[in-house]
C-alpha cells in the first residue's frame, strides 16, 4: 500500500470515527432529553393552565430542537438547555395571553387570567417552585441574571397569593404530611374543610363541604385510589380544580391523556404547595386523570 493509499485509508477511518462519535453524542443527548420530557410537559401545562395547550408547546419545542440543534447548547445541563429552548419558543410566540383560538372555555379563561400577571413572573415562579431550578439556572433559561430571577419569583408569589381565597379539601392518608399541607394552606389564608384518608371518606367529605380546591394523594390508607375519589367528586362538581400528590410522578406523567395539570412530587416543600394551590385556584383548572 502506498503512502497516499494509507493516508486516504486513515482519513476514511477518522471520518467514520467522527460520524460514530457524532451519532453517539446525538443518541446520548436524545436519551437525556427524553428523561426530562415528562417534567417539561408538567411545566408547560402549569404555565398554560391546560394539558392541551401545554403539550402543544412542548411538541413545538421538540420540533424546534430537531430543526436547530444549537438550541441545546445554551447550557451544560440538558434539563436547563431543554427548558431554555422551550422558553425561547414561548417568548417567540408572544407568550399569548388572550383567549382567541382557545380550544376550550377553560383554556380561554386561563389565558385571560395570565394577562393579569406581571410579565415573566409566572414562568420564573414555576421554574423555581415546581421544577426546583436554582435562581442562576432560571436566569440561564429566561436570559436574565439570578437577582432578577429571584425578584420575578417574589412578585409572582405576591400576585398569586392576592388572587383568591377559598375552601380546600385534603385527601392524604399520612398524618404528618396532611398536617404540613393543612398548615401551609391555612397560612395562605384558605380554609381547610377537612382531611380524608380513604376514598369513601373523601367522597363523603367532598359532597358535604363543596370545596373550591382538592389536594389529593394517589395511594390511600385502605389501598383505595385518590384518583377514583376525585373523579367521583368531579361528576357532581366538575369545575373544582385538583392538585395531585404522589411519590411516583413518572407513573402519572406518561404522555398519555388525560394527565394532571397540577402535580406535586413527594417529598415536597411548602413553597411547592403554595405555588400549586395559588395557581390551581387562580386558573380553576379541572384537568385530572382516569383510573
C-alpha atoms as a PDB file:
ATOM      1  CA  UNK A   1       0.000   0.000   0.000  1.00  0.00           C
ATOM      2  CA  UNK A   2       1.382   3.392  -0.960  1.00  0.00           C
ATOM      3  CA  UNK A   3       1.696   6.319   1.424  1.00  0.00           C
ATOM      4  CA  UNK A   4      -1.176   8.024  -0.408  1.00  0.00           C
ATOM      5  CA  UNK A   5      -3.395   4.956  -0.019  1.00  0.00           C
ATOM      6  CA  UNK A   6      -2.506   4.657   3.676  1.00  0.00           C
ATOM      7  CA  UNK A   7      -3.303   8.356   4.155  1.00  0.00           C
ATOM      8  CA  UNK A   8      -6.652   8.032   2.365  1.00  0.00           C
ATOM      9  CA  UNK A   9      -7.489   4.940   4.376  1.00  0.00           C
ATOM     10  CA  UNK A  10      -6.629   6.754   7.611  1.00  0.00           C
ATOM     11  CA  UNK A  11      -8.805   9.699   6.667  1.00  0.00           C
ATOM     12  CA  UNK A  12     -11.757   7.402   5.951  1.00  0.00           C
ATOM     13  CA  UNK A  13     -11.262   5.693   9.304  1.00  0.00           C
ATOM     14  CA  UNK A  14     -11.136   9.037  11.084  1.00  0.00           C
ATOM     15  CA  UNK A  15     -14.257  10.220   9.252  1.00  0.00           C
ATOM     16  CA  UNK A  16     -16.016   7.045  10.340  1.00  0.00           C
ATOM     17  CA  UNK A  17     -14.975   7.564  13.944  1.00  0.00           C
ATOM     18  CA  UNK A  18     -16.165  11.159  13.836  1.00  0.00           C
ATOM     19  CA  UNK A  19     -19.527  10.142  12.397  1.00  0.00           C
ATOM     20  CA  UNK A  20     -19.881   7.423  15.011  1.00  0.00           C
ATOM     21  CA  UNK A  21     -18.915   9.840  17.792  1.00  0.00           C
ATOM     22  CA  UNK A  22     -21.438  12.344  16.477  1.00  0.00           C
ATOM     23  CA  UNK A  23     -24.118   9.654  16.333  1.00  0.00           C
ATOM     24  CA  UNK A  24     -23.247   8.525  19.859  1.00  0.00           C
ATOM     25  CA  UNK A  25     -23.479  12.137  21.085  1.00  0.00           C
ATOM     26  CA  UNK A  26     -26.853  12.508  19.375  1.00  0.00           C
ATOM     27  CA  UNK A  27     -28.126   9.305  20.967  1.00  0.00           C
ATOM     28  CA  UNK A  28     -26.846  10.350  24.388  1.00  0.00           C
ATOM     29  CA  UNK A  29     -28.465  13.776  24.136  1.00  0.00           C
ATOM     30  CA  UNK A  30     -31.730  12.243  22.920  1.00  0.00           C
ATOM     31  CA  UNK A  31     -31.807   9.916  25.911  1.00  0.00           C
ATOM     32  CA  UNK A  32     -31.097  12.718  28.359  1.00  0.00           C
ATOM     33  CA  UNK A  33     -33.785  14.933  26.834  1.00  0.00           C
ATOM     34  CA  UNK A  34     -36.285  12.059  26.853  1.00  0.00           C
ATOM     35  CA  UNK A  35     -35.715  11.677  30.593  1.00  0.00           C
ATOM     36  CA  UNK A  36     -36.668  15.319  31.144  1.00  0.00           C
ATOM     37  CA  UNK A  37     -39.703  15.451  28.840  1.00  0.00           C
ATOM     38  CA  UNK A  38     -42.261  14.497  31.499  1.00  0.00           C
ATOM     39  CA  UNK A  39     -41.123  17.469  33.574  1.00  0.00           C
ATOM     40  CA  UNK A  40     -41.207  19.812  30.594  1.00  0.00           C
ATOM     41  CA  UNK A  41     -44.806  18.737  29.941  1.00  0.00           C
ATOM     42  CA  UNK A  42     -45.650  19.322  33.596  1.00  0.00           C
ATOM     43  CA  UNK A  43     -44.163  22.808  33.427  1.00  0.00           C
ATOM     44  CA  UNK A  44     -45.844  23.620  30.117  1.00  0.00           C
ATOM     45  CA  UNK A  45     -49.249  22.540  31.382  1.00  0.00           C
ATOM     46  CA  UNK A  46     -48.946  24.558  34.576  1.00  0.00           C
ATOM     47  CA  UNK A  47     -47.739  27.548  32.567  1.00  0.00           C
ATOM     48  CA  UNK A  48     -50.624  27.480  30.096  1.00  0.00           C
ATOM     49  CA  UNK A  49     -53.240  26.178  32.510  1.00  0.00           C
ATOM     50  CA  UNK A  50     -54.299  23.201  30.354  1.00  0.00           C
ATOM     51  CA  UNK A  51     -52.976  19.876  29.143  1.00  0.00           C
ATOM     52  CA  UNK A  52     -53.817  20.569  25.500  1.00  0.00           C
ATOM     53  CA  UNK A  53     -52.008  23.899  25.293  1.00  0.00           C
ATOM     54  CA  UNK A  54     -49.055  22.711  27.375  1.00  0.00           C
ATOM     55  CA  UNK A  55     -48.481  19.617  25.268  1.00  0.00           C
ATOM     56  CA  UNK A  56     -48.706  21.721  22.118  1.00  0.00           C
ATOM     57  CA  UNK A  57     -45.883  23.983  23.273  1.00  0.00           C
ATOM     58  CA  UNK A  58     -43.761  21.018  24.371  1.00  0.00           C
ATOM     59  CA  UNK A  59     -44.185  19.437  20.932  1.00  0.00           C
ATOM     60  CA  UNK A  60     -43.264  22.664  19.151  1.00  0.00           C
ATOM     61  CA  UNK A  61     -40.143  22.880  21.327  1.00  0.00           C
ATOM     62  CA  UNK A  62     -39.024  19.416  20.219  1.00  0.00           C
ATOM     63  CA  UNK A  63     -39.646  20.365  16.597  1.00  0.00           C
ATOM     64  CA  UNK A  64     -37.526  23.487  17.071  1.00  0.00           C
ATOM     65  CA  UNK A  65     -34.697  21.424  18.586  1.00  0.00           C
ATOM     66  CA  UNK A  66     -34.767  18.982  15.669  1.00  0.00           C
ATOM     67  CA  UNK A  67     -34.541  21.917  13.258  1.00  0.00           C
ATOM     68  CA  UNK A  68     -31.813  23.716  15.210  1.00  0.00           C
ATOM     69  CA  UNK A  69     -29.583  21.625  17.494  1.00  0.00           C
ATOM     70  CA  UNK A  70     -27.811  24.762  18.694  1.00  0.00           C
ATOM     71  CA  UNK A  71     -30.803  25.348  20.982  1.00  0.00           C
ATOM     72  CA  UNK A  72     -29.371  22.625  23.205  1.00  0.00           C
ATOM     73  CA  UNK A  73     -26.054  24.404  23.542  1.00  0.00           C
ATOM     74  CA  UNK A  74     -27.366  27.170  25.795  1.00  0.00           C
ATOM     75  CA  UNK A  75     -26.366  25.300  28.974  1.00  0.00           C
ATOM     76  CA  UNK A  76     -24.248  22.360  30.146  1.00  0.00           C
ATOM     77  CA  UNK A  77     -27.198  20.752  31.930  1.00  0.00           C
ATOM     78  CA  UNK A  78     -29.558  19.080  29.413  1.00  0.00           C
ATOM     79  CA  UNK A  79     -32.623  19.942  31.526  1.00  0.00           C
ATOM     80  CA  UNK A  80     -31.652  23.614  31.643  1.00  0.00           C
ATOM     81  CA  UNK A  81     -30.991  23.561  27.892  1.00  0.00           C
ATOM     82  CA  UNK A  82     -34.349  21.900  27.190  1.00  0.00           C
ATOM     83  CA  UNK A  83     -36.268  24.410  29.295  1.00  0.00           C
ATOM     84  CA  UNK A  84     -34.313  27.267  27.722  1.00  0.00           C
ATOM     85  CA  UNK A  85     -35.360  26.005  24.295  1.00  0.00           C
ATOM     86  CA  UNK A  86     -38.969  25.887  25.480  1.00  0.00           C
ATOM     87  CA  UNK A  87     -38.707  29.434  26.829  1.00  0.00           C
ATOM     88  CA  UNK A  88     -37.326  30.648  23.505  1.00  0.00           C
ATOM     89  CA  UNK A  89     -40.346  29.116  21.738  1.00  0.00           C
ATOM     90  CA  UNK A  90     -42.730  30.533  24.334  1.00  0.00           C
ATOM     91  CA  UNK A  91     -41.295  34.046  24.043  1.00  0.00           C
ATOM     92  CA  UNK A  92     -41.138  33.938  20.251  1.00  0.00           C
ATOM     93  CA  UNK A  93     -44.833  33.090  20.151  1.00  0.00           C
ATOM     94  CA  UNK A  94     -45.516  36.218  22.178  1.00  0.00           C
ATOM     95  CA  UNK A  95     -46.405  34.210  25.321  1.00  0.00           C
ATOM     96  CA  UNK A  96     -50.035  34.629  24.234  1.00  0.00           C
ATOM     97  CA  UNK A  97     -52.420  35.898  26.861  1.00  0.00           C
ATOM     98  CA  UNK A  98     -55.693  36.396  25.038  1.00  0.00           C
ATOM     99  CA  UNK A  99     -58.251  33.671  24.515  1.00  0.00           C
ATOM    100  CA  UNK A 100     -58.504  33.959  20.738  1.00  0.00           C
ATOM    101  CA  UNK A 101     -58.419  30.498  19.271  1.00  0.00           C
ATOM    102  CA  UNK A 102     -58.564  28.757  22.643  1.00  0.00           C
ATOM    103  CA  UNK A 103     -59.538  25.102  22.308  1.00  0.00           C
ATOM    104  CA  UNK A 104     -61.812  25.196  25.349  1.00  0.00           C
ATOM    105  CA  UNK A 105     -63.506  27.696  27.609  1.00  0.00           C
ATOM    106  CA  UNK A 106     -61.083  26.586  30.334  1.00  0.00           C
ATOM    107  CA  UNK A 107     -58.084  27.433  28.173  1.00  0.00           C
ATOM    108  CA  UNK A 108     -59.567  30.805  27.302  1.00  0.00           C
ATOM    109  CA  UNK A 109     -60.151  31.561  30.972  1.00  0.00           C
ATOM    110  CA  UNK A 110     -56.587  30.523  31.821  1.00  0.00           C
ATOM    111  CA  UNK A 111     -55.132  32.819  29.183  1.00  0.00           C
ATOM    112  CA  UNK A 112     -57.323  35.669  30.382  1.00  0.00           C
ATOM    113  CA  UNK A 113     -56.018  35.230  33.926  1.00  0.00           C
ATOM    114  CA  UNK A 114     -52.467  35.047  32.649  1.00  0.00           C
ATOM    115  CA  UNK A 115     -52.844  38.517  31.156  1.00  0.00           C
ATOM    116  CA  UNK A 116     -53.259  39.985  34.647  1.00  0.00           C
ATOM    117  CA  UNK A 117     -49.800  38.987  35.859  1.00  0.00           C
ATOM    118  CA  UNK A 118     -46.578  40.928  35.590  1.00  0.00           C
ATOM    119  CA  UNK A 119     -44.717  39.615  32.504  1.00  0.00           C
ATOM    120  CA  UNK A 120     -42.266  36.753  33.146  1.00  0.00           C
ATOM    121  CA  UNK A 121     -43.237  36.286  36.791  1.00  0.00           C
ATOM    122  CA  UNK A 122     -45.326  33.161  36.272  1.00  0.00           C
ATOM    123  CA  UNK A 123     -42.562  31.454  34.303  1.00  0.00           C
ATOM    124  CA  UNK A 124     -39.993  32.247  36.998  1.00  0.00           C
ATOM    125  CA  UNK A 125     -42.286  31.027  39.767  1.00  0.00           C
ATOM    126  CA  UNK A 126     -42.930  27.679  38.094  1.00  0.00           C
ATOM    127  CA  UNK A 127     -39.280  27.125  37.285  1.00  0.00           C
ATOM    128  CA  UNK A 128     -38.368  27.784  40.907  1.00  0.00           C
ATOM    129  CA  UNK A 129     -41.107  26.168  42.970  1.00  0.00           C
ATOM    130  CA  UNK A 130     -42.290  23.301  40.779  1.00  0.00           C
ATOM    131  CA  UNK A 131     -39.150  22.378  38.822  1.00  0.00           C
ATOM    132  CA  UNK A 132     -36.788  23.473  41.635  1.00  0.00           C
ATOM    133  CA  UNK A 133     -34.265  25.259  39.447  1.00  0.00           C
ATOM    134  CA  UNK A 134     -31.737  27.490  41.189  1.00  0.00           C
ATOM    135  CA  UNK A 135     -32.070  31.207  40.503  1.00  0.00           C
ATOM    136  CA  UNK A 136     -28.936  31.116  38.355  1.00  0.00           C
ATOM    137  CA  UNK A 137     -30.464  28.313  36.274  1.00  0.00           C
ATOM    138  CA  UNK A 138     -33.708  30.265  35.925  1.00  0.00           C
ATOM    139  CA  UNK A 139     -31.633  33.191  34.729  1.00  0.00           C
ATOM    140  CA  UNK A 140     -29.974  30.971  32.131  1.00  0.00           C
ATOM    141  CA  UNK A 141     -33.352  29.684  30.947  1.00  0.00           C
ATOM    142  CA  UNK A 142     -35.007  33.105  30.810  1.00  0.00           C
ATOM    143  CA  UNK A 143     -31.932  35.098  29.757  1.00  0.00           C
ATOM    144  CA  UNK A 144     -31.873  37.278  32.893  1.00  0.00           C
ATOM    145  CA  UNK A 145     -29.463  37.428  35.829  1.00  0.00           C
ATOM    146  CA  UNK A 146     -30.025  35.473  39.039  1.00  0.00           C
ATOM    147  CA  UNK A 147     -31.081  38.531  41.064  1.00  0.00           C
ATOM    148  CA  UNK A 148     -33.764  39.443  38.538  1.00  0.00           C
ATOM    149  CA  UNK A 149     -34.994  35.842  38.523  1.00  0.00           C
ATOM    150  CA  UNK A 150     -35.357  35.975  42.301  1.00  0.00           C
ATOM    151  CA  UNK A 151     -37.270  39.259  42.091  1.00  0.00           C
ATOM    152  CA  UNK A 152     -39.639  37.802  39.475  1.00  0.00           C
ATOM    153  CA  UNK A 153     -40.417  34.866  41.753  1.00  0.00           C
ATOM    154  CA  UNK A 154     -41.156  37.185  44.683  1.00  0.00           C
ATOM    155  CA  UNK A 155     -43.536  39.276  42.571  1.00  0.00           C
ATOM    156  CA  UNK A 156     -45.321  36.153  41.329  1.00  0.00           C
ATOM    157  CA  UNK A 157     -45.858  34.839  44.854  1.00  0.00           C
ATOM    158  CA  UNK A 158     -47.382  38.141  45.908  1.00  0.00           C
ATOM    159  CA  UNK A 159     -49.673  38.440  42.893  1.00  0.00           C
ATOM    160  CA  UNK A 160     -50.865  34.834  43.058  1.00  0.00           C
ATOM    161  CA  UNK A 161     -51.457  34.940  46.805  1.00  0.00           C
ATOM    162  CA  UNK A 162     -53.550  38.074  46.470  1.00  0.00           C
ATOM    163  CA  UNK A 163     -55.766  36.474  43.838  1.00  0.00           C
ATOM    164  CA  UNK A 164     -58.260  34.152  45.502  1.00  0.00           C
ATOM    165  CA  UNK A 165     -59.245  32.816  48.941  1.00  0.00           C
ATOM    166  CA  UNK A 166     -61.219  29.610  49.171  1.00  0.00           C
ATOM    167  CA  UNK A 167     -62.101  26.312  50.806  1.00  0.00           C
ATOM    168  CA  UNK A 168     -59.591  23.489  50.357  1.00  0.00           C
ATOM    169  CA  UNK A 169     -60.139  19.763  50.931  1.00  0.00           C
ATOM    170  CA  UNK A 170     -57.156  17.462  51.560  1.00  0.00           C
ATOM    171  CA  UNK A 171     -57.092  13.758  50.639  1.00  0.00           C
ATOM    172  CA  UNK A 172     -53.976  12.344  52.342  1.00  0.00           C
ATOM    173  CA  UNK A 173     -53.505   9.227  54.494  1.00  0.00           C
ATOM    174  CA  UNK A 174     -50.150  10.135  56.088  1.00  0.00           C
ATOM    175  CA  UNK A 175     -50.891  12.272  59.212  1.00  0.00           C
ATOM    176  CA  UNK A 176     -47.675  14.321  59.208  1.00  0.00           C
ATOM    177  CA  UNK A 177     -47.937  15.144  55.515  1.00  0.00           C
ATOM    178  CA  UNK A 178     -51.608  16.017  55.924  1.00  0.00           C
ATOM    179  CA  UNK A 179     -50.717  18.334  58.826  1.00  0.00           C
ATOM    180  CA  UNK A 180     -47.989  20.042  56.775  1.00  0.00           C
ATOM    181  CA  UNK A 181     -50.397  20.604  53.898  1.00  0.00           C
ATOM    182  CA  UNK A 182     -53.138  21.906  56.196  1.00  0.00           C
ATOM    183  CA  UNK A 183     -50.765  24.355  57.891  1.00  0.00           C
ATOM    184  CA  UNK A 184     -49.370  25.641  54.601  1.00  0.00           C
ATOM    185  CA  UNK A 185     -52.814  26.094  53.059  1.00  0.00           C
ATOM    186  CA  UNK A 186     -54.160  27.779  56.198  1.00  0.00           C
ATOM    187  CA  UNK A 187     -51.184  30.141  56.333  1.00  0.00           C
ATOM    188  CA  UNK A 188     -52.102  31.249  52.817  1.00  0.00           C
ATOM    189  CA  UNK A 189     -55.492  32.413  54.077  1.00  0.00           C
ATOM    190  CA  UNK A 190     -57.542  29.486  52.780  1.00  0.00           C
ATOM    191  CA  UNK A 191     -59.933  27.390  54.877  1.00  0.00           C
ATOM    192  CA  UNK A 192     -59.267  23.649  55.087  1.00  0.00           C
ATOM    193  CA  UNK A 193     -62.638  21.875  55.023  1.00  0.00           C
ATOM    194  CA  UNK A 194     -61.200  18.594  56.287  1.00  0.00           C
ATOM    195  CA  UNK A 195     -58.744  15.749  55.706  1.00  0.00           C
ATOM    196  CA  UNK A 196     -59.814  12.397  54.239  1.00  0.00           C
ATOM    197  CA  UNK A 197     -57.706   9.204  54.470  1.00  0.00           C
ATOM    198  CA  UNK A 198     -59.698   6.893  52.187  1.00  0.00           C
ATOM    199  CA  UNK A 199     -61.748   7.095  49.010  1.00  0.00           C
ATOM    200  CA  UNK A 200     -65.066   6.769  50.851  1.00  0.00           C
ATOM    201  CA  UNK A 201     -64.095   9.458  53.371  1.00  0.00           C
ATOM    202  CA  UNK A 202     -63.018  11.761  50.559  1.00  0.00           C
ATOM    203  CA  UNK A 203     -66.237  11.356  48.598  1.00  0.00           C
ATOM    204  CA  UNK A 204     -68.350  11.934  51.710  1.00  0.00           C
ATOM    205  CA  UNK A 205     -66.324  14.972  52.790  1.00  0.00           C
ATOM    206  CA  UNK A 206     -66.337  16.497  49.331  1.00  0.00           C
ATOM    207  CA  UNK A 207     -70.088  16.145  48.901  1.00  0.00           C
ATOM    208  CA  UNK A 208     -70.671  17.581  52.376  1.00  0.00           C
ATOM    209  CA  UNK A 209     -68.350  20.599  52.180  1.00  0.00           C
ATOM    210  CA  UNK A 210     -68.273  21.514  48.440  1.00  0.00           C
ATOM    211  CA  UNK A 211     -64.606  22.655  48.376  1.00  0.00           C
ATOM    212  CA  UNK A 212     -63.126  25.194  45.968  1.00  0.00           C
ATOM    213  CA  UNK A 213     -59.956  23.077  45.581  1.00  0.00           C
ATOM    214  CA  UNK A 214     -58.938  19.455  46.206  1.00  0.00           C
ATOM    215  CA  UNK A 215     -55.419  18.281  47.068  1.00  0.00           C
ATOM    216  CA  UNK A 216     -55.337  14.523  46.531  1.00  0.00           C
ATOM    217  CA  UNK A 217     -52.810  11.814  47.279  1.00  0.00           C
ATOM    218  CA  UNK A 218     -52.890   8.880  44.863  1.00  0.00           C
ATOM    219  CA  UNK A 219     -52.481   5.834  47.145  1.00  0.00           C
ATOM    220  CA  UNK A 220     -54.683   5.997  50.250  1.00  0.00           C
ATOM    221  CA  UNK A 221     -54.748   4.234  53.635  1.00  0.00           C
ATOM    222  CA  UNK A 222     -57.001   1.314  52.656  1.00  0.00           C
ATOM    223  CA  UNK A 223     -55.266   0.881  49.293  1.00  0.00           C
ATOM    224  CA  UNK A 224     -58.085   2.788  47.616  1.00  0.00           C
ATOM    225  CA  UNK A 225     -57.365   5.368  44.936  1.00  0.00           C
ATOM    226  CA  UNK A 226     -57.347   9.123  45.356  1.00  0.00           C
ATOM    227  CA  UNK A 227     -57.853   9.323  41.611  1.00  0.00           C
ATOM    228  CA  UNK A 228     -61.098   7.356  41.906  1.00  0.00           C
ATOM    229  CA  UNK A 229     -62.276   9.625  44.706  1.00  0.00           C
ATOM    230  CA  UNK A 230     -61.531  12.760  42.706  1.00  0.00           C
ATOM    231  CA  UNK A 231     -63.235  11.502  39.572  1.00  0.00           C
ATOM    232  CA  UNK A 232     -66.350  10.567  41.541  1.00  0.00           C
ATOM    233  CA  UNK A 233     -66.472  14.046  43.082  1.00  0.00           C
ATOM    234  CA  UNK A 234     -65.938  15.744  39.742  1.00  0.00           C
ATOM    235  CA  UNK A 235     -69.134  14.187  38.416  1.00  0.00           C
ATOM    236  CA  UNK A 236     -71.065  16.467  40.775  1.00  0.00           C
ATOM    237  CA  UNK A 237     -68.619  19.378  40.940  1.00  0.00           C
ATOM    238  CA  UNK A 238     -66.812  19.440  37.579  1.00  0.00           C
ATOM    239  CA  UNK A 239     -65.328  22.936  37.977  1.00  0.00           C
ATOM    240  CA  UNK A 240     -63.338  22.187  41.136  1.00  0.00           C
ATOM    241  CA  UNK A 241     -59.570  22.362  40.470  1.00  0.00           C
ATOM    242  CA  UNK A 242     -57.457  19.408  41.592  1.00  0.00           C
ATOM    243  CA  UNK A 243     -53.803  19.062  42.606  1.00  0.00           C
ATOM    244  CA  UNK A 244     -52.446  15.512  42.743  1.00  0.00           C
ATOM    245  CA  UNK A 245     -49.710  14.499  45.189  1.00  0.00           C
ATOM    246  CA  UNK A 246     -47.502  11.459  44.619  1.00  0.00           C
ATOM    247  CA  UNK A 247     -44.108   9.972  45.343  1.00  0.00           C
ATOM    248  CA  UNK A 248     -44.084   8.466  41.851  1.00  0.00           C
ATOM    249  CA  UNK A 249     -44.678  11.243  39.291  1.00  0.00           C
ATOM    250  CA  UNK A 250     -43.373   9.085  36.451  1.00  0.00           C
ATOM    251  CA  UNK A 251     -46.453   6.888  36.859  1.00  0.00           C
ATOM    252  CA  UNK A 252     -48.689   9.851  36.089  1.00  0.00           C
ATOM    253  CA  UNK A 253     -46.590  11.809  33.596  1.00  0.00           C
ATOM    254  CA  UNK A 254     -46.757   9.145  30.931  1.00  0.00           C
ATOM    255  CA  UNK A 255     -47.548  11.274  27.907  1.00  0.00           C
ATOM    256  CA  UNK A 256     -50.999   9.705  27.584  1.00  0.00           C
ATOM    257  CA  UNK A 257     -54.208  11.584  28.210  1.00  0.00           C
ATOM    258  CA  UNK A 258     -55.551  12.681  30.482  1.00  0.00           C
ATOM    259  CA  UNK A 259     -52.761  13.757  32.837  1.00  0.00           C
ATOM    260  CA  UNK A 260     -52.956  16.179  35.769  1.00  0.00           C
ATOM    261  CA  UNK A 261     -52.315  19.837  35.045  1.00  0.00           C
ATOM    262  CA  UNK A 262     -51.044  20.291  38.623  1.00  0.00           C
ATOM    263  CA  UNK A 263     -48.838  17.697  40.271  1.00  0.00           C
ATOM    264  CA  UNK A 264     -46.745  17.859  43.460  1.00  0.00           C
ATOM    265  CA  UNK A 265     -43.994  15.287  43.927  1.00  0.00           C
ATOM    266  CA  UNK A 266     -43.229  13.820  47.361  1.00  0.00           C
ATOM    267  CA  UNK A 267     -41.186  14.842  49.242  1.00  0.00           C
ATOM    268  CA  UNK A 268     -42.294  18.423  48.649  1.00  0.00           C
ATOM    269  CA  UNK A 269     -41.595  21.842  50.116  1.00  0.00           C
ATOM    270  CA  UNK A 270     -44.139  24.356  51.457  1.00  0.00           C
ATOM    271  CA  UNK A 271     -43.182  26.607  48.543  1.00  0.00           C
ATOM    272  CA  UNK A 272     -44.335  23.952  46.073  1.00  0.00           C
ATOM    273  CA  UNK A 273     -47.670  23.614  47.830  1.00  0.00           C
ATOM    274  CA  UNK A 274     -48.163  27.392  47.942  1.00  0.00           C
ATOM    275  CA  UNK A 275     -47.356  27.717  44.275  1.00  0.00           C
ATOM    276  CA  UNK A 276     -49.590  24.854  43.146  1.00  0.00           C
ATOM    277  CA  UNK A 277     -52.529  25.951  45.314  1.00  0.00           C
ATOM    278  CA  UNK A 278     -52.306  29.551  44.146  1.00  0.00           C
ATOM    279  CA  UNK A 279     -52.037  28.555  40.516  1.00  0.00           C
ATOM    280  CA  UNK A 280     -54.772  25.935  40.571  1.00  0.00           C
ATOM    281  CA  UNK A 281     -57.251  28.297  42.198  1.00  0.00           C
ATOM    282  CA  UNK A 282     -56.105  31.181  40.028  1.00  0.00           C
ATOM    283  CA  UNK A 283     -56.724  29.195  36.858  1.00  0.00           C
ATOM    284  CA  UNK A 284     -59.524  26.958  38.203  1.00  0.00           C
ATOM    285  CA  UNK A 285     -58.054  24.044  36.231  1.00  0.00           C
ATOM    286  CA  UNK A 286     -60.061  20.817  36.327  1.00  0.00           C
ATOM    287  CA  UNK A 287     -57.630  18.655  34.369  1.00  0.00           C
ATOM    288  CA  UNK A 288     -57.498  15.234  36.068  1.00  0.00           C
ATOM    289  CA  UNK A 289     -56.881  11.540  35.484  1.00  0.00           C
ATOM    290  CA  UNK A 290     -58.876   8.449  34.754  1.00  0.00           C
ATOM    291  CA  UNK A 291     -58.024   5.460  36.930  1.00  0.00           C
END
